[in-house]
Amino acid sequence: MPDRDPEVHRITDAEVPLSEEQAGRTRRYLVSMGIRTACLVGAVLAPSPWRWILVVGAVILPYFAVVAANAGRERSDRGDVTVVALRPGRRALSGGAEKPPA
């Protein structure tokens, strides 16, 4: 029976820490809301054709800001993960192989 290689973890498999991810999402949201505030101030000060463009931007921007802020940790579908199910009546040996039929 061939020996199984031990599982090796690569540093590229590590995810970004949750606190760092949340800080990035908060930063993106605040930048979007800053742009929205600028659109609202610009809508008050700008002449008519630009005013309506800025109003539309101020109305639409919050939707995209919230969607971007809520886009958090999605599970990645990795192709290298294998799930092994044992058939009823079979036991796994210490090496992870199935018990041969009797």
PDB file of N, CA and C in Angstrom:
ATOM      1  N   MET A   1       0.854  -1.180   0.000  1.00  0.00           N
ATOM      2  CA  MET A   1       0.000   0.000   0.000  1.00  0.00           C
ATOM      3  C   MET A   1       0.896   1.237   0.000  1.00  0.00           C
ATOM      4  N   PRO A   2       0.726   2.142  -0.969  1.00  0.00           N
ATOM      5  CA  PRO A   2       1.581   3.332  -1.039  1.00  0.00           C
ATOM      6  C   PRO A   2       1.273   4.286   0.108  1.00  0.00           C
ATOM      7  N   ASP A   3       2.323   4.927   0.609  1.00  0.00           N
ATOM      8  CA  ASP A   3       2.145   5.919   1.674  1.00  0.00           C
ATOM      9  C   ASP A   3       1.563   7.193   1.084  1.00  0.00           C
ATOM     10  N   ARG A   4       0.647   7.779   1.810  1.00  0.00           N
ATOM     11  CA  ARG A   4       0.053   9.041   1.375  1.00  0.00           C
ATOM     12  C   ARG A   4       0.939  10.180   1.817  1.00  0.00           C
ATOM     13  N   ASP A   5       1.136  11.135   0.933  1.00  0.00           N
ATOM     14  CA  ASP A   5       1.925  12.306   1.290  1.00  0.00           C
ATOM     15  C   ASP A   5       1.154  13.133   2.310  1.00  0.00           C
ATOM     16  N   PRO A   6       1.848  13.734   3.279  1.00  0.00           N
ATOM     17  CA  PRO A   6       1.142  14.587   4.239  1.00  0.00           C
ATOM     18  C   PRO A   6       0.582  15.816   3.535  1.00  0.00           C
ATOM     19  N   GLU A   7      -0.519  16.326   4.068  1.00  0.00           N
ATOM     20  CA  GLU A   7      -1.150  17.495   3.465  1.00  0.00           C
ATOM     21  C   GLU A   7      -0.246  18.706   3.655  1.00  0.00           C
ATOM     22  N   VAL A   8       0.017  19.407   2.587  1.00  0.00           N
ATOM     23  CA  VAL A   8       0.896  20.569   2.626  1.00  0.00           C
ATOM     24  C   VAL A   8       0.050  21.816   2.388  1.00  0.00           C
ATOM     25  N   HIS A   9       0.195  22.792   3.268  1.00  0.00           N
ATOM     26  CA  HIS A   9      -0.537  24.049   3.125  1.00  0.00           C
ATOM     27  C   HIS A   9       0.388  25.091   2.518  1.00  0.00           C
ATOM     28  N   ARG A  10      -0.134  25.831   1.568  1.00  0.00           N
ATOM     29  CA  ARG A  10       0.630  26.908   0.938  1.00  0.00           C
ATOM     30  C   ARG A  10       0.162  28.236   1.514  1.00  0.00           C
ATOM     31  N   ILE A  11       1.065  29.170   1.579  1.00  0.00           N
ATOM     32  CA  ILE A  11       0.712  30.489   2.103  1.00  0.00           C
ATOM     33  C   ILE A  11      -0.326  31.161   1.221  1.00  0.00           C
ATOM     34  N   THR A  12      -0.378  30.813  -0.053  1.00  0.00           N
ATOM     35  CA  THR A  12      -1.369  31.416  -0.948  1.00  0.00           C
ATOM     36  C   THR A  12      -2.775  30.918  -0.646  1.00  0.00           C
ATOM     37  N   ASP A  13      -2.898  29.834   0.147  1.00  0.00           N
ATOM     38  CA  ASP A  13      -4.215  29.330   0.539  1.00  0.00           C
ATOM     39  C   ASP A  13      -4.825  30.149   1.671  1.00  0.00           C
ATOM     40  N   ALA A  14      -4.010  30.949   2.359  1.00  0.00           N
ATOM     41  CA  ALA A  14      -4.500  31.710   3.498  1.00  0.00           C
ATOM     42  C   ALA A  14      -5.419  32.834   3.019  1.00  0.00           C
ATOM     43  N   GLU A  15      -6.496  33.033   3.751  1.00  0.00           N
ATOM     44  CA  GLU A  15      -7.434  34.104   3.413  1.00  0.00           C
ATOM     45  C   GLU A  15      -7.017  35.392   4.105  1.00  0.00           C
ATOM     46  N   VAL A  16      -7.559  36.494   3.622  1.00  0.00           N
ATOM     47  CA  VAL A  16      -7.318  37.794   4.243  1.00  0.00           C
ATOM     48  C   VAL A  16      -8.009  37.788   5.612  1.00  0.00           C
ATOM     49  N   PRO A  17      -7.367  38.300   6.651  1.00  0.00           N
ATOM     50  CA  PRO A  17      -8.016  38.334   7.973  1.00  0.00           C
ATOM     51  C   PRO A  17      -9.336  39.101   7.920  1.00  0.00           C
ATOM     52  N   LEU A  18     -10.297  38.645   8.707  1.00  0.00           N
ATOM     53  CA  LEU A  18     -11.636  39.237   8.704  1.00  0.00           C
ATOM     54  C   LEU A  18     -11.590  40.724   9.049  1.00  0.00           C
ATOM     55  N   SER A  19     -10.781  41.118  10.022  1.00  0.00           N
ATOM     56  CA  SER A  19     -10.712  42.532  10.409  1.00  0.00           C
ATOM     57  C   SER A  19     -10.189  43.391   9.264  1.00  0.00           C
ATOM     58  N   GLU A  20      -9.214  42.870   8.514  1.00  0.00           N
ATOM     59  CA  GLU A  20      -8.675  43.614   7.371  1.00  0.00           C
ATOM     60  C   GLU A  20      -9.710  43.725   6.254  1.00  0.00           C
ATOM     61  N   GLU A  21     -10.450  42.653   6.031  1.00  0.00           N
ATOM     62  CA  GLU A  21     -11.486  42.674   4.995  1.00  0.00           C
ATOM     63  C   GLU A  21     -12.599  43.658   5.343  1.00  0.00           C
ATOM     64  N   GLN A  22     -13.028  43.653   6.602  1.00  0.00           N
ATOM     65  CA  GLN A  22     -14.077  44.576   7.028  1.00  0.00           C
ATOM     66  C   GLN A  22     -13.618  46.021   6.946  1.00  0.00           C
ATOM     67  N   ALA A  23     -12.360  46.276   7.284  1.00  0.00           N
ATOM     68  CA  ALA A  23     -11.828  47.639   7.196  1.00  0.00           C
ATOM     69  C   ALA A  23     -11.824  48.114   5.737  1.00  0.00           C
ATOM     70  N   GLY A  24     -11.475  47.231   4.825  1.00  0.00           N
ATOM     71  CA  GLY A  24     -11.486  47.589   3.402  1.00  0.00           C
ATOM     72  C   GLY A  24     -12.881  47.874   2.898  1.00  0.00           C
ATOM     73  N   ARG A  25     -13.845  47.047   3.319  1.00  0.00           N
ATOM     74  CA  ARG A  25     -15.228  47.280   2.881  1.00  0.00           C
ATOM     75  C   ARG A  25     -15.767  48.579   3.462  1.00  0.00           C
ATOM     76  N   THR A  26     -15.421  48.882   4.720  1.00  0.00           N
ATOM     77  CA  THR A  26     -15.847  50.146   5.344  1.00  0.00           C
ATOM     78  C   THR A  26     -15.250  51.331   4.609  1.00  0.00           C
ATOM     79  N   ARG A  27     -13.979  51.218   4.248  1.00  0.00           N
ATOM     80  CA  ARG A  27     -13.299  52.290   3.519  1.00  0.00           C
ATOM     81  C   ARG A  27     -13.975  52.544   2.165  1.00  0.00           C
ATOM     82  N   ARG A  28     -14.287  51.456   1.427  1.00  0.00           N
ATOM     83  CA  ARG A  28     -14.949  51.617   0.127  1.00  0.00           C
ATOM     84  C   ARG A  28     -16.324  52.278   0.277  1.00  0.00           C
ATOM     85  N   TYR A  29     -17.061  51.888   1.327  1.00  0.00           N
ATOM     86  CA  TYR A  29     -18.382  52.464   1.565  1.00  0.00           C
ATOM     87  C   TYR A  29     -18.274  53.955   1.873  1.00  0.00           C
ATOM     88  N   LEU A  30     -17.321  54.311   2.725  1.00  0.00           N
ATOM     89  CA  LEU A  30     -17.167  55.724   3.087  1.00  0.00           C
ATOM     90  C   LEU A  30     -16.718  56.575   1.898  1.00  0.00           C
ATOM     91  N   VAL A  31     -15.877  56.038   1.043  1.00  0.00           N
ATOM     92  CA  VAL A  31     -15.476  56.765  -0.168  1.00  0.00           C
ATOM     93  C   VAL A  31     -16.697  56.977  -1.064  1.00  0.00           C
ATOM     94  N   SER A  32     -17.516  55.943  -1.221  1.00  0.00           N
ATOM     95  CA  SER A  32     -18.723  56.075  -2.057  1.00  0.00           C
ATOM     96  C   SER A  32     -19.681  57.118  -1.479  1.00  0.00           C
ATOM     97  N   MET A  33     -19.842  57.127  -0.163  1.00  0.00           N
ATOM     98  CA  MET A  33     -20.728  58.111   0.447  1.00  0.00           C
ATOM     99  C   MET A  33     -20.142  59.518   0.368  1.00  0.00           C
ATOM    100  N   GLY A  34     -18.817  59.631   0.367  1.00  0.00           N
ATOM    101  CA  GLY A  34     -18.184  60.937   0.160  1.00  0.00           C
ATOM    102  C   GLY A  34     -18.453  61.467  -1.240  1.00  0.00           C
ATOM    103  N   ILE A  35     -18.382  60.564  -2.227  1.00  0.00           N
ATOM    104  CA  ILE A  35     -18.694  60.955  -3.608  1.00  0.00           C
ATOM    105  C   ILE A  35     -20.164  61.350  -3.722  1.00  0.00           C
ATOM    106  N   ARG A  36     -21.028  60.636  -3.008  1.00  0.00           N
ATOM    107  CA  ARG A  36     -22.463  60.970  -3.033  1.00  0.00           C
ATOM    108  C   ARG A  36     -22.696  62.359  -2.431  1.00  0.00           C
ATOM    109  N   THR A  37     -22.005  62.648  -1.343  1.00  0.00           N
ATOM    110  CA  THR A  37     -22.143  63.968  -0.720  1.00  0.00           C
ATOM    111  C   THR A  37     -21.683  65.064  -1.680  1.00  0.00           C
ATOM    112  N   ALA A  38     -20.590  64.806  -2.376  1.00  0.00           N
ATOM    113  CA  ALA A  38     -20.104  65.776  -3.367  1.00  0.00           C
ATOM    114  C   ALA A  38     -21.132  65.969  -4.491  1.00  0.00           C
ATOM    115  N   CYS A  39     -21.790  64.864  -4.893  1.00  0.00           N
ATOM    116  CA  CYS A  39     -22.835  64.969  -5.923  1.00  0.00           C
ATOM    117  C   CYS A  39     -23.997  65.837  -5.433  1.00  0.00           C
ATOM    118  N   LEU A  40     -24.391  65.664  -4.170  1.00  0.00           N
ATOM    119  CA  LEU A  40     -25.497  66.464  -3.631  1.00  0.00           C
ATOM    120  C   LEU A  40     -25.127  67.935  -3.550  1.00  0.00           C
ATOM    121  N   VAL A  41     -23.923  68.239  -3.079  1.00  0.00           N
ATOM    122  CA  VAL A  41     -23.485  69.639  -3.008  1.00  0.00           C
ATOM    123  C   VAL A  41     -23.360  70.210  -4.416  1.00  0.00           C
ATOM    124  N   GLY A  42     -22.812  69.415  -5.331  1.00  0.00           N
ATOM    125  CA  GLY A  42     -22.689  69.862  -6.713  1.00  0.00           C
ATOM    126  C   GLY A  42     -24.037  70.097  -7.366  1.00  0.00           C
ATOM    127  N   ALA A  43     -25.028  69.296  -7.005  1.00  0.00           N
ATOM    128  CA  ALA A  43     -26.363  69.462  -7.586  1.00  0.00           C
ATOM    129  C   ALA A  43     -26.980  70.791  -7.164  1.00  0.00           C
ATOM    130  N   VAL A  44     -26.662  71.249  -5.975  1.00  0.00           N
ATOM    131  CA  VAL A  44     -27.187  72.533  -5.504  1.00  0.00           C
ATOM    132  C   VAL A  44     -26.482  73.686  -6.215  1.00  0.00           C
ATOM    133  N   LEU A  45     -25.197  73.536  -6.487  1.00  0.00           N
ATOM    134  CA  LEU A  45     -24.412  74.634  -7.036  1.00  0.00           C
ATOM    135  C   LEU A  45     -24.315  74.645  -8.561  1.00  0.00           C
ATOM    136  N   ALA A  46     -24.561  73.530  -9.212  1.00  0.00           N
ATOM    137  CA  ALA A  46     -24.336  73.412 -10.661  1.00  0.00           C
ATOM    138  C   ALA A  46     -25.517  73.968 -11.458  1.00  0.00           C
ATOM    139  N   PRO A  47     -25.254  74.366 -12.707  1.00  0.00           N
ATOM    140  CA  PRO A  47     -26.359  74.787 -13.577  1.00  0.00           C
ATOM    141  C   PRO A  47     -27.213  73.585 -13.985  1.00  0.00           C
ATOM    142  N   SER A  48     -28.348  73.855 -14.581  1.00  0.00           N
ATOM    143  CA  SER A  48     -29.394  72.865 -14.822  1.00  0.00           C
ATOM    144  C   SER A  48     -28.977  71.534 -15.460  1.00  0.00           C
ATOM    145  N   PRO A  49     -28.283  71.455 -16.598  1.00  0.00           N
ATOM    146  CA  PRO A  49     -28.036  70.115 -17.148  1.00  0.00           C
ATOM    147  C   PRO A  49     -27.143  69.258 -16.227  1.00  0.00           C
ATOM    148  N   TRP A  50     -26.153  69.877 -15.631  1.00  0.00           N
ATOM    149  CA  TRP A  50     -25.269  69.123 -14.730  1.00  0.00           C
ATOM    150  C   TRP A  50     -25.980  68.764 -13.428  1.00  0.00           C
ATOM    151  N   ARG A  51     -26.893  69.618 -13.002  1.00  0.00           N
ATOM    152  CA  ARG A  51     -27.618  69.383 -11.750  1.00  0.00           C
ATOM    153  C   ARG A  51     -28.312  68.025 -11.779  1.00  0.00           C
ATOM    154  N   TRP A  52     -28.990  67.727 -12.881  1.00  0.00           N
ATOM    155  CA  TRP A  52     -29.761  66.480 -12.942  1.00  0.00           C
ATOM    156  C   TRP A  52     -28.854  65.253 -13.041  1.00  0.00           C
ATOM    157  N   ILE A  53     -27.722  65.418 -13.689  1.00  0.00           N
ATOM    158  CA  ILE A  53     -26.755  64.307 -13.740  1.00  0.00           C
ATOM    159  C   ILE A  53     -26.236  64.018 -12.331  1.00  0.00           C
ATOM    160  N   LEU A  54     -25.923  65.048 -11.578  1.00  0.00           N
ATOM    161  CA  LEU A  54     -25.423  64.874 -10.210  1.00  0.00           C
ATOM    162  C   LEU A  54     -26.508  64.309  -9.285  1.00  0.00           C
ATOM    163  N   VAL A  55     -27.756  64.718  -9.480  1.00  0.00           N
ATOM    164  CA  VAL A  55     -28.859  64.171  -8.670  1.00  0.00           C
ATOM    165  C   VAL A  55     -29.017  62.678  -8.946  1.00  0.00           C
ATOM    166  N   VAL A  56     -28.962  62.291 -10.203  1.00  0.00           N
ATOM    167  CA  VAL A  56     -29.064  60.861 -10.540  1.00  0.00           C
ATOM    168  C   VAL A  56     -27.909  60.086  -9.902  1.00  0.00           C
ATOM    169  N   GLY A  57     -26.705  60.642  -9.956  1.00  0.00           N
ATOM    170  CA  GLY A  57     -25.562  59.993  -9.313  1.00  0.00           C
ATOM    171  C   GLY A  57     -25.753  59.861  -7.813  1.00  0.00           C
ATOM    172  N   ALA A  58     -26.285  60.902  -7.178  1.00  0.00           N
ATOM    173  CA  ALA A  58     -26.513  60.863  -5.728  1.00  0.00           C
ATOM    174  C   ALA A  58     -27.594  59.857  -5.347  1.00  0.00           C
ATOM    175  N   VAL A  59     -28.546  59.620  -6.233  1.00  0.00           N
ATOM    176  CA  VAL A  59     -29.620  58.673  -5.943  1.00  0.00           C
ATOM    177  C   VAL A  59     -29.162  57.231  -6.174  1.00  0.00           C
ATOM    178  N   ILE A  60     -28.384  56.998  -7.220  1.00  0.00           N
ATOM    179  CA  ILE A  60     -27.976  55.642  -7.588  1.00  0.00           C
ATOM    180  C   ILE A  60     -26.779  55.140  -6.774  1.00  0.00           C
ATOM    181  N   LEU A  61     -25.872  56.026  -6.405  1.00  0.00           N
ATOM    182  CA  LEU A  61     -24.648  55.620  -5.718  1.00  0.00           C
ATOM    183  C   LEU A  61     -24.858  54.802  -4.439  1.00  0.00           C
ATOM    184  N   PRO A  62     -25.830  55.107  -3.571  1.00  0.00           N
ATOM    185  CA  PRO A  62     -25.983  54.310  -2.350  1.00  0.00           C
ATOM    186  C   PRO A  62     -26.243  52.822  -2.618  1.00  0.00           C
ATOM    187  N   TYR A  63     -26.978  52.515  -3.665  1.00  0.00           N
ATOM    188  CA  TYR A  63     -27.241  51.108  -3.981  1.00  0.00           C
ATOM    189  C   TYR A  63     -25.930  50.379  -4.251  1.00  0.00           C
ATOM    190  N   PHE A  64     -25.097  50.944  -5.102  1.00  0.00           N
ATOM    191  CA  PHE A  64     -23.834  50.300  -5.432  1.00  0.00           C
ATOM    192  C   PHE A  64     -22.888  50.265  -4.235  1.00  0.00           C
ATOM    193  N   ALA A  65     -22.941  51.313  -3.386  1.00  0.00           N
ATOM    194  CA  ALA A  65     -22.084  51.340  -2.195  1.00  0.00           C
ATOM    195  C   ALA A  65     -22.474  50.228  -1.227  1.00  0.00           C
ATOM    196  N   VAL A  66     -23.755  50.001  -1.035  1.00  0.00           N
ATOM    197  CA  VAL A  66     -24.208  48.951  -0.120  1.00  0.00           C
ATOM    198  C   VAL A  66     -23.890  47.566  -0.689  1.00  0.00           C
ATOM    199  N   VAL A  67     -24.106  47.370  -1.979  1.00  0.00           N
ATOM    200  CA  VAL A  67     -23.787  46.080  -2.601  1.00  0.00           C
ATOM    201  C   VAL A  67     -22.297  45.785  -2.473  1.00  0.00           C
ATOM    202  N   ALA A  68     -21.459  46.771  -2.711  1.00  0.00           N
ATOM    203  CA  ALA A  68     -20.009  46.573  -2.595  1.00  0.00           C
ATOM    204  C   ALA A  68     -19.596  46.328  -1.146  1.00  0.00           C
ATOM    205  N   ALA A  69     -20.247  47.012  -0.201  1.00  0.00           N
ATOM    206  CA  ALA A  69     -19.904  46.826   1.203  1.00  0.00           C
ATOM    207  C   ALA A  69     -20.342  45.457   1.717  1.00  0.00           C
ATOM    208  N   ASN A  70     -21.427  44.933   1.185  1.00  0.00           N
ATOM    209  CA  ASN A  70     -21.922  43.631   1.631  1.00  0.00           C
ATOM    210  C   ASN A  70     -21.261  42.461   0.930  1.00  0.00           C
ATOM    211  N   ALA A  71     -20.480  42.732  -0.102  1.00  0.00           N
ATOM    212  CA  ALA A  71     -19.788  41.654  -0.811  1.00  0.00           C
ATOM    213  C   ALA A  71     -18.608  41.220   0.045  1.00  0.00           C
ATOM    214  N   GLY A  72     -18.867  40.244   0.898  1.00  0.00           N
ATOM    215  CA  GLY A  72     -17.835  39.811   1.831  1.00  0.00           C
ATOM    216  C   GLY A  72     -17.237  38.484   1.453  1.00  0.00           C
ATOM    217  N   ARG A  73     -17.061  37.658   2.433  1.00  0.00           N
ATOM    218  CA  ARG A  73     -16.405  36.367   2.242  1.00  0.00           C
ATOM    219  C   ARG A  73     -17.342  35.371   1.586  1.00  0.00           C
ATOM    220  N   GLU A  74     -17.153  35.191   0.314  1.00  0.00           N
ATOM    221  CA  GLU A  74     -17.885  34.151  -0.385  1.00  0.00           C
ATOM    222  C   GLU A  74     -17.017  32.901  -0.375  1.00  0.00           C
ATOM    223  N   ARG A  75     -17.654  31.776  -0.307  1.00  0.00           N
ATOM    224  CA  ARG A  75     -16.892  30.524  -0.353  1.00  0.00           C
ATOM    225  C   ARG A  75     -16.394  30.319  -1.766  1.00  0.00           C
ATOM    226  N   SER A  76     -15.133  29.979  -1.861  1.00  0.00           N
ATOM    227  CA  SER A  76     -14.589  29.697  -3.187  1.00  0.00           C
ATOM    228  C   SER A  76     -14.793  28.225  -3.488  1.00  0.00           C
ATOM    229  N   ASP A  77     -15.175  27.920  -4.703  1.00  0.00           N
ATOM    230  CA  ASP A  77     -15.337  26.535  -5.123  1.00  0.00           C
ATOM    231  C   ASP A  77     -13.988  26.029  -5.591  1.00  0.00           C
ATOM    232  N   ARG A  78     -13.315  25.338  -4.723  1.00  0.00           N
ATOM    233  CA  ARG A  78     -11.991  24.843  -5.063  1.00  0.00           C
ATOM    234  C   ARG A  78     -12.133  23.443  -5.642  1.00  0.00           C
ATOM    235  N   GLY A  79     -11.427  23.198  -6.697  1.00  0.00           N
ATOM    236  CA  GLY A  79     -11.479  21.901  -7.343  1.00  0.00           C
ATOM    237  C   GLY A  79     -10.588  20.864  -6.678  1.00  0.00           C
ATOM    238  N   ASP A  80      -9.703  21.287  -5.756  1.00  0.00           N
ATOM    239  CA  ASP A  80      -8.766  20.343  -5.174  1.00  0.00           C
ATOM    240  C   ASP A  80      -9.258  19.714  -3.875  1.00  0.00           C
ATOM    241  N   VAL A  81     -10.506  19.944  -3.489  1.00  0.00           N
ATOM    242  CA  VAL A  81     -11.048  19.363  -2.276  1.00  0.00           C
ATOM    243  C   VAL A  81     -11.827  18.107  -2.647  1.00  0.00           C
ATOM    244  N   THR A  82     -11.517  17.009  -1.966  1.00  0.00           N
ATOM    245  CA  THR A  82     -12.180  15.747  -2.248  1.00  0.00           C
ATOM    246  C   THR A  82     -12.920  15.278  -0.997  1.00  0.00           C
ATOM    247  N   VAL A  83     -14.166  14.896  -1.155  1.00  0.00           N
ATOM    248  CA  VAL A  83     -14.954  14.364  -0.064  1.00  0.00           C
ATOM    249  C   VAL A  83     -15.146  12.880  -0.318  1.00  0.00           C
ATOM    250  N   VAL A  84     -14.786  12.067   0.674  1.00  0.00           N
ATOM    251  CA  VAL A  84     -14.901  10.623   0.530  1.00  0.00           C
ATOM    252  C   VAL A  84     -15.984  10.140   1.482  1.00  0.00           C
ATOM    253  N   ALA A  85     -16.983   9.445   0.948  1.00  0.00           N
ATOM    254  CA  ALA A  85     -18.057   8.898   1.773  1.00  0.00           C
ATOM    255  C   ALA A  85     -17.883   7.388   1.850  1.00  0.00           C
ATOM    256  N   LEU A  86     -18.042   6.843   3.049  1.00  0.00           N
ATOM    257  CA  LEU A  86     -17.938   5.400   3.231  1.00  0.00           C
ATOM    258  C   LEU A  86     -19.312   4.771   3.039  1.00  0.00           C
ATOM    259  N   ARG A  87     -19.312   3.611   2.425  1.00  0.00           N
ATOM    260  CA  ARG A  87     -20.567   2.892   2.286  1.00  0.00           C
ATOM    261  C   ARG A  87     -20.951   2.295   3.631  1.00  0.00           C
ATOM    262  N   PRO A  88     -22.264   2.115   3.891  1.00  0.00           N
ATOM    263  CA  PRO A  88     -22.689   1.534   5.168  1.00  0.00           C
ATOM    264  C   PRO A  88     -22.028   0.163   5.382  1.00  0.00           C
ATOM    265  N   GLY A  89     -21.643  -0.089   6.615  1.00  0.00           N
ATOM    266  CA  GLY A  89     -21.027  -1.371   6.941  1.00  0.00           C
ATOM    267  C   GLY A  89     -19.524  -1.380   6.752  1.00  0.00           C
ATOM    268  N   ARG A  90     -18.960  -0.335   6.270  1.00  0.00           N
ATOM    269  CA  ARG A  90     -17.508  -0.251   6.065  1.00  0.00           C
ATOM    270  C   ARG A  90     -16.918   0.700   7.104  1.00  0.00           C
ATOM    271  N   ARG A  91     -15.690   0.409   7.487  1.00  0.00           N
ATOM    272  CA  ARG A  91     -15.001   1.291   8.423  1.00  0.00           C
ATOM    273  C   ARG A  91     -13.724   1.794   7.779  1.00  0.00           C
ATOM    274  N   ALA A  92     -13.317   2.956   8.177  1.00  0.00           N
ATOM    275  CA  ALA A  92     -12.068   3.496   7.660  1.00  0.00           C
ATOM    276  C   ALA A  92     -10.919   3.006   8.518  1.00  0.00           C
ATOM    277  N   LEU A  93      -9.831   2.621   7.870  1.00  0.00           N
ATOM    278  CA  LEU A  93      -8.621   2.235   8.589  1.00  0.00           C
ATOM    279  C   LEU A  93      -7.848   3.481   8.961  1.00  0.00           C
ATOM    280  N   SER A  94      -6.849   3.342   9.797  1.00  0.00           N
ATOM    281  CA  SER A  94      -6.116   4.508  10.279  1.00  0.00           C
ATOM    282  C   SER A  94      -5.431   5.259   9.143  1.00  0.00           C
ATOM    283  N   GLY A  95      -5.082   4.581   8.040  1.00  0.00           N
ATOM    284  CA  GLY A  95      -4.435   5.244   6.914  1.00  0.00           C
ATOM    285  C   GLY A  95      -5.425   5.941   5.996  1.00  0.00           C
ATOM    286  N   GLY A  96      -6.717   5.842   6.269  1.00  0.00           N
ATOM    287  CA  GLY A  96      -7.721   6.503   5.459  1.00  0.00           C
ATOM    288  C   GLY A  96      -8.260   5.614   4.349  1.00  0.00           C
ATOM    289  N   ALA A  97      -7.772   4.388   4.234  1.00  0.00           N
ATOM    290  CA  ALA A  97      -8.251   3.494   3.173  1.00  0.00           C
ATOM    291  C   ALA A  97      -9.450   2.697   3.696  1.00  0.00           C
ATOM    292  N   GLU A  98     -10.288   2.250   2.767  1.00  0.00           N
ATOM    293  CA  GLU A  98     -11.444   1.442   3.164  1.00  0.00           C
ATOM    294  C   GLU A  98     -11.005   0.035   3.519  1.00  0.00           C
ATOM    295  N   LYS A  99     -11.804  -0.611   4.367  1.00  0.00           N
ATOM    296  CA  LYS A  99     -11.560  -2.000   4.746  1.00  0.00           C
ATOM    297  C   LYS A  99     -11.916  -2.883   3.552  1.00  0.00           C
ATOM    298  N   PRO A 100     -11.029  -3.805   3.153  1.00  0.00           N
ATOM    299  CA  PRO A 100     -11.352  -4.665   2.010  1.00  0.00           C
ATOM    300  C   PRO A 100     -12.549  -5.548   2.324  1.00  0.00           C
ATOM    301  N   PRO A 101     -13.339  -5.897   1.289  1.00  0.00           N
ATOM    302  CA  PRO A 101     -14.515  -6.747   1.524  1.00  0.00           C
ATOM    303  C   PRO A 101     -14.093  -8.114   2.049  1.00  0.00           C
ATOM    304  N   ALA A 102     -14.916  -8.649   2.940  1.00  0.00           N
ATOM    305  CA  ALA A 102     -14.609  -9.959   3.552  1.00  0.00           C
ATOM    306  C   ALA A 102     -15.074 -11.096   2.682  1.00  0.00           C
TER     307      ALA A 102
END
